[in-house]
Amino acid sequence: MSGLLRTVAHRAVPLLRGHTVCQRANVYTRPAKEKIGAVETVIGLTLFSLAILGPSGWILAHLEDYRKKE
């Protein structure tokens, strides 16, 4: 019985999946067109830090307000 199920499943799987699309990533190994300066790096790191740590810092700073059950 298991051989019959295995055969049916083996033949049905490609029909159920349909056509699969093969995706290829484009990877370039050239150097950057323009160099990024120190100011742009600092601004970028600051904005990423604020975007990630800002909401959690807000919640921790207002934790007592959230604990009140009014």
C-alpha atoms as a PDB file:
ATOM      1  CA  MET A   1       0.000   0.000   0.000  1.00  0.00           C
ATOM      2  CA  SER A   2       2.792   2.446   0.871  1.00  0.00           C
ATOM      3  CA  GLY A   3       4.434   1.772  -2.507  1.00  0.00           C
ATOM      4  CA  LEU A   4       1.218   2.754  -4.266  1.00  0.00           C
ATOM      5  CA  LEU A   5       0.909   5.956  -2.225  1.00  0.00           C
ATOM      6  CA  ARG A   6       4.552   6.786  -2.860  1.00  0.00           C
ATOM      7  CA  THR A   7       4.062   6.336  -6.621  1.00  0.00           C
ATOM      8  CA  VAL A   8       0.917   8.470  -6.688  1.00  0.00           C
ATOM      9  CA  ALA A   9       2.541  11.184  -4.588  1.00  0.00           C
ATOM     10  CA  HIS A  10       5.682  11.152  -6.722  1.00  0.00           C
ATOM     11  CA  ARG A  11       3.609  11.749  -9.857  1.00  0.00           C
ATOM     12  CA  ALA A  12       1.195  14.267  -8.316  1.00  0.00           C
ATOM     13  CA  VAL A  13       3.729  16.603  -6.697  1.00  0.00           C
ATOM     14  CA  PRO A  14       5.035  18.196  -9.937  1.00  0.00           C
ATOM     15  CA  LEU A  15       1.470  18.798 -11.105  1.00  0.00           C
ATOM     16  CA  LEU A  16       0.470  20.445  -7.846  1.00  0.00           C
ATOM     17  CA  ARG A  17       3.553  22.648  -7.673  1.00  0.00           C
ATOM     18  CA  GLY A  18       3.196  23.945 -11.208  1.00  0.00           C
ATOM     19  CA  HIS A  19       6.041  25.687 -12.954  1.00  0.00           C
ATOM     20  CA  THR A  20       8.728  27.024 -10.677  1.00  0.00           C
ATOM     21  CA  VAL A  21      10.576  30.187 -11.550  1.00  0.00           C
ATOM     22  CA  CYS A  22      14.331  30.073 -11.247  1.00  0.00           C
ATOM     23  CA  GLN A  23      15.526  33.346  -9.763  1.00  0.00           C
ATOM     24  CA  ARG A  24      19.092  34.516 -10.029  1.00  0.00           C
ATOM     25  CA  ALA A  25      20.634  37.266  -7.978  1.00  0.00           C
ATOM     26  CA  ASN A  26      22.660  39.946  -9.705  1.00  0.00           C
ATOM     27  CA  VAL A  27      25.888  40.436  -7.802  1.00  0.00           C
ATOM     28  CA  TYR A  28      28.296  43.138  -8.847  1.00  0.00           C
ATOM     29  CA  THR A  29      31.852  43.225  -7.603  1.00  0.00           C
ATOM     30  CA  ARG A  30      32.817  46.647  -8.859  1.00  0.00           C
ATOM     31  CA  PRO A  31      33.868  49.392  -6.466  1.00  0.00           C
ATOM     32  CA  ALA A  32      31.321  52.067  -5.567  1.00  0.00           C
ATOM     33  CA  LYS A  33      30.815  54.918  -8.014  1.00  0.00           C
ATOM     34  CA  GLU A  34      31.091  57.560  -5.301  1.00  0.00           C
ATOM     35  CA  LYS A  35      32.838  57.348  -1.969  1.00  0.00           C
ATOM     36  CA  ILE A  36      30.745  57.919   1.142  1.00  0.00           C
ATOM     37  CA  GLY A  37      32.185  60.508   3.482  1.00  0.00           C
ATOM     38  CA  ALA A  38      32.391  60.527   7.250  1.00  0.00           C
ATOM     39  CA  VAL A  39      29.442  62.926   7.629  1.00  0.00           C
ATOM     40  CA  GLU A  40      27.109  60.709   5.587  1.00  0.00           C
ATOM     41  CA  THR A  41      28.235  57.661   7.565  1.00  0.00           C
ATOM     42  CA  VAL A  42      27.552  59.348  10.911  1.00  0.00           C
ATOM     43  CA  ILE A  43      24.138  60.596   9.757  1.00  0.00           C
ATOM     44  CA  GLY A  44      23.192  57.145   8.466  1.00  0.00           C
ATOM     45  CA  LEU A  45      24.284  55.335  11.620  1.00  0.00           C
ATOM     46  CA  THR A  46      22.497  57.894  13.798  1.00  0.00           C
ATOM     47  CA  LEU A  47      19.224  57.524  11.896  1.00  0.00           C
ATOM     48  CA  PHE A  48      19.394  53.735  11.961  1.00  0.00           C
ATOM     49  CA  SER A  49      20.118  53.788  15.700  1.00  0.00           C
ATOM     50  CA  LEU A  50      17.183  56.101  16.350  1.00  0.00           C
ATOM     51  CA  ALA A  51      14.876  54.012  14.187  1.00  0.00           C
ATOM     52  CA  ILE A  52      15.790  50.825  16.032  1.00  0.00           C
ATOM     53  CA  LEU A  53      16.339  52.050  19.595  1.00  0.00           C
ATOM     54  CA  GLY A  54      13.884  54.980  19.647  1.00  0.00           C
ATOM     55  CA  PRO A  55      10.623  53.065  20.059  1.00  0.00           C
ATOM     56  CA  SER A  56      12.015  50.717  22.699  1.00  0.00           C
ATOM     57  CA  GLY A  57      13.500  53.658  24.607  1.00  0.00           C
ATOM     58  CA  TRP A  58      10.143  55.446  24.510  1.00  0.00           C
ATOM     59  CA  ILE A  59       8.376  52.403  25.942  1.00  0.00           C
ATOM     60  CA  LEU A  60      10.972  51.958  28.690  1.00  0.00           C
ATOM     61  CA  ALA A  61      10.833  55.653  29.585  1.00  0.00           C
ATOM     62  CA  HIS A  62       7.022  55.543  29.904  1.00  0.00           C
ATOM     63  CA  LEU A  63       6.764  52.111  31.502  1.00  0.00           C
ATOM     64  CA  GLU A  64       5.176  53.479  34.691  1.00  0.00           C
ATOM     65  CA  ASP A  65       2.447  55.161  32.644  1.00  0.00           C
ATOM     66  CA  TYR A  66       1.642  51.882  30.923  1.00  0.00           C
ATOM     67  CA  ARG A  67       1.435  50.020  34.249  1.00  0.00           C
ATOM     68  CA  LYS A  68      -1.291  52.313  35.595  1.00  0.00           C
ATOM     69  CA  LYS A  69      -4.734  50.801  35.136  1.00  0.00           C
ATOM     70  CA  GLU A  70      -7.014  53.809  34.976  1.00  0.00           C
END
